[in-house]
Amino acid sequence: MSGDGHQKKRQDFAEEVGAKEARKMEARKRKEENLWFGLGMFGLVGWSVAIPTLIGVAIGAWVDMNHPSRFSWTLMFMVFGVLLGCLNAWYWVSRFDRHG
């Protein structure tokens, strides 16, 4: 009777170790996937802000050259581009956050 109980404990222990190892391997796999996802998201956010900012600078420079005034249209359109880019990045990050 004692031998059967001992054998059962060994089997339970082996199953527990196997399950922990499987979880550990899955976590390592997800960590690598999360790294690439994070880098991709970093790029998405960067370009989502950079492109509208550069477009705003280009439009502002054109307005400054063709319609001079005491205000810097380049600076105003650049700020507008940054704000638009931040809203765009926020939209994409929240969309990925909701949908995985």
C-alpha atoms as a PDB file:
ATOM      1  CA  MET A   1       0.000   0.000   0.000  1.00  0.00           C
ATOM      2  CA  SER A   2       2.822   2.345   0.888  1.00  0.00           C
ATOM      3  CA  GLY A   3       4.537   1.575  -2.436  1.00  0.00           C
ATOM      4  CA  ASP A   4       1.418   2.503  -4.422  1.00  0.00           C
ATOM      5  CA  GLY A   5       1.100   5.832  -2.575  1.00  0.00           C
ATOM      6  CA  HIS A   6       4.757   6.596  -3.180  1.00  0.00           C
ATOM      7  CA  GLN A   7       4.393   5.757  -6.888  1.00  0.00           C
ATOM      8  CA  LYS A   8       1.326   8.020  -7.138  1.00  0.00           C
ATOM      9  CA  LYS A   9       3.225  10.922  -5.541  1.00  0.00           C
ATOM     10  CA  ARG A  10       6.108  10.456  -8.000  1.00  0.00           C
ATOM     11  CA  GLN A  11       3.687  10.442 -10.925  1.00  0.00           C
ATOM     12  CA  ASP A  12       1.921  13.569  -9.633  1.00  0.00           C
ATOM     13  CA  PHE A  13       5.284  15.274  -9.148  1.00  0.00           C
ATOM     14  CA  ALA A  14       6.388  14.363 -12.691  1.00  0.00           C
ATOM     15  CA  GLU A  15       3.126  15.721 -14.143  1.00  0.00           C
ATOM     16  CA  GLU A  16       3.497  18.938 -12.157  1.00  0.00           C
ATOM     17  CA  VAL A  17       7.085  19.429 -13.339  1.00  0.00           C
ATOM     18  CA  GLY A  18       6.016  18.736 -16.930  1.00  0.00           C
ATOM     19  CA  ALA A  19       3.196  21.268 -16.714  1.00  0.00           C
ATOM     20  CA  LYS A  20       5.524  23.921 -15.262  1.00  0.00           C
ATOM     21  CA  GLU A  21       8.063  23.291 -18.009  1.00  0.00           C
ATOM     22  CA  ALA A  22       5.357  23.635 -20.662  1.00  0.00           C
ATOM     23  CA  ARG A  23       4.241  26.963 -19.156  1.00  0.00           C
ATOM     24  CA  LYS A  24       7.847  28.150 -19.030  1.00  0.00           C
ATOM     25  CA  MET A  25       8.437  27.287 -22.686  1.00  0.00           C
ATOM     26  CA  GLU A  26       5.199  29.005 -23.701  1.00  0.00           C
ATOM     27  CA  ALA A  27       6.187  32.140 -21.753  1.00  0.00           C
ATOM     28  CA  ARG A  28       9.566  32.235 -23.514  1.00  0.00           C
ATOM     29  CA  LYS A  29       7.835  31.922 -26.869  1.00  0.00           C
ATOM     30  CA  ARG A  30       5.412  34.724 -26.034  1.00  0.00           C
ATOM     31  CA  LYS A  31       8.259  36.909 -24.792  1.00  0.00           C
ATOM     32  CA  GLU A  32       9.924  36.705 -28.191  1.00  0.00           C
ATOM     33  CA  GLU A  33       6.625  37.448 -29.940  1.00  0.00           C
ATOM     34  CA  ASN A  34       5.993  40.364 -27.575  1.00  0.00           C
ATOM     35  CA  LEU A  35       9.426  41.781 -28.380  1.00  0.00           C
ATOM     36  CA  TRP A  36       8.664  41.874 -32.112  1.00  0.00           C
ATOM     37  CA  PHE A  37       5.170  43.197 -31.464  1.00  0.00           C
ATOM     38  CA  GLY A  38       6.628  45.951 -29.281  1.00  0.00           C
ATOM     39  CA  LEU A  39       9.179  46.931 -31.919  1.00  0.00           C
ATOM     40  CA  GLY A  40       6.482  46.960 -34.576  1.00  0.00           C
ATOM     41  CA  MET A  41       4.242  49.107 -32.411  1.00  0.00           C
ATOM     42  CA  PHE A  42       7.161  51.455 -31.720  1.00  0.00           C
ATOM     43  CA  GLY A  43       7.640  51.883 -35.478  1.00  0.00           C
ATOM     44  CA  LEU A  44       3.935  52.379 -36.065  1.00  0.00           C
ATOM     45  CA  VAL A  45       3.706  55.079 -33.407  1.00  0.00           C
ATOM     46  CA  GLY A  46       6.856  56.785 -34.693  1.00  0.00           C
ATOM     47  CA  TRP A  47       5.678  56.960 -38.282  1.00  0.00           C
ATOM     48  CA  SER A  48       2.151  57.899 -37.207  1.00  0.00           C
ATOM     49  CA  VAL A  49       3.582  61.022 -35.593  1.00  0.00           C
ATOM     50  CA  ALA A  50       6.460  61.750 -37.994  1.00  0.00           C
ATOM     51  CA  ILE A  51       4.501  61.759 -41.270  1.00  0.00           C
ATOM     52  CA  PRO A  52       1.798  64.290 -40.236  1.00  0.00           C
ATOM     53  CA  THR A  53       4.506  66.456 -38.631  1.00  0.00           C
ATOM     54  CA  LEU A  54       6.585  66.530 -41.820  1.00  0.00           C
ATOM     55  CA  ILE A  55       3.496  67.239 -43.916  1.00  0.00           C
ATOM     56  CA  GLY A  56       2.614  70.099 -41.555  1.00  0.00           C
ATOM     57  CA  VAL A  57       6.143  71.536 -41.834  1.00  0.00           C
ATOM     58  CA  ALA A  58       6.008  71.342 -45.643  1.00  0.00           C
ATOM     59  CA  ILE A  59       2.606  73.044 -45.825  1.00  0.00           C
ATOM     60  CA  GLY A  60       3.693  75.694 -43.319  1.00  0.00           C
ATOM     61  CA  ALA A  61       6.901  76.420 -45.237  1.00  0.00           C
ATOM     62  CA  TRP A  62       4.915  76.779 -48.463  1.00  0.00           C
ATOM     63  CA  VAL A  63       2.461  79.176 -46.786  1.00  0.00           C
ATOM     64  CA  ASP A  64       5.352  81.175 -45.277  1.00  0.00           C
ATOM     65  CA  MET A  65       7.018  81.541 -48.697  1.00  0.00           C
ATOM     66  CA  ASN A  66       3.869  82.447 -50.612  1.00  0.00           C
ATOM     67  CA  HIS A  67       2.002  84.477 -47.976  1.00  0.00           C
ATOM     68  CA  PRO A  68       4.499  86.097 -45.579  1.00  0.00           C
ATOM     69  CA  SER A  69       3.114  87.311 -42.279  1.00  0.00           C
ATOM     70  CA  ARG A  70       4.354  88.071 -38.798  1.00  0.00           C
ATOM     71  CA  PHE A  71       3.289  84.566 -37.691  1.00  0.00           C
ATOM     72  CA  SER A  72       5.337  81.479 -38.435  1.00  0.00           C
ATOM     73  CA  TRP A  73       2.980  79.218 -40.327  1.00  0.00           C
ATOM     74  CA  THR A  74       5.670  76.549 -40.391  1.00  0.00           C
ATOM     75  CA  LEU A  75       5.669  76.399 -36.621  1.00  0.00           C
ATOM     76  CA  MET A  76       1.875  76.421 -36.375  1.00  0.00           C
ATOM     77  CA  PHE A  77       1.432  73.670 -38.952  1.00  0.00           C
ATOM     78  CA  MET A  78       4.204  71.660 -37.331  1.00  0.00           C
ATOM     79  CA  VAL A  79       2.398  71.775 -33.961  1.00  0.00           C
ATOM     80  CA  PHE A  80      -0.857  70.881 -35.715  1.00  0.00           C
ATOM     81  CA  GLY A  81       0.909  67.939 -37.412  1.00  0.00           C
ATOM     82  CA  VAL A  82       2.320  66.711 -34.101  1.00  0.00           C
ATOM     83  CA  LEU A  83      -1.116  66.878 -32.469  1.00  0.00           C
ATOM     84  CA  LEU A  84      -2.743  65.114 -35.416  1.00  0.00           C
ATOM     85  CA  GLY A  85       0.016  62.482 -35.355  1.00  0.00           C
ATOM     86  CA  CYS A  86      -0.426  61.889 -31.632  1.00  0.00           C
ATOM     87  CA  LEU A  87      -4.171  61.409 -32.095  1.00  0.00           C
ATOM     88  CA  ASN A  88      -3.456  59.011 -34.952  1.00  0.00           C
ATOM     89  CA  ALA A  89      -0.953  57.035 -32.859  1.00  0.00           C
ATOM     90  CA  TRP A  90      -3.389  56.926 -29.933  1.00  0.00           C
ATOM     91  CA  TYR A  91      -6.077  55.541 -32.257  1.00  0.00           C
ATOM     92  CA  TRP A  92      -3.818  52.746 -33.562  1.00  0.00           C
ATOM     93  CA  VAL A  93      -2.463  51.799 -30.135  1.00  0.00           C
ATOM     94  CA  SER A  94      -5.951  51.657 -28.622  1.00  0.00           C
ATOM     95  CA  ARG A  95      -7.175  49.625 -31.607  1.00  0.00           C
ATOM     96  CA  PHE A  96      -4.368  47.077 -31.179  1.00  0.00           C
ATOM     97  CA  ASP A  97      -4.972  47.039 -27.437  1.00  0.00           C
ATOM     98  CA  ARG A  98      -8.659  46.167 -27.914  1.00  0.00           C
ATOM     99  CA  HIS A  99      -8.205  43.615 -30.684  1.00  0.00           C
ATOM    100  CA  GLY A 100      -4.956  42.009 -29.560  1.00  0.00           C
END
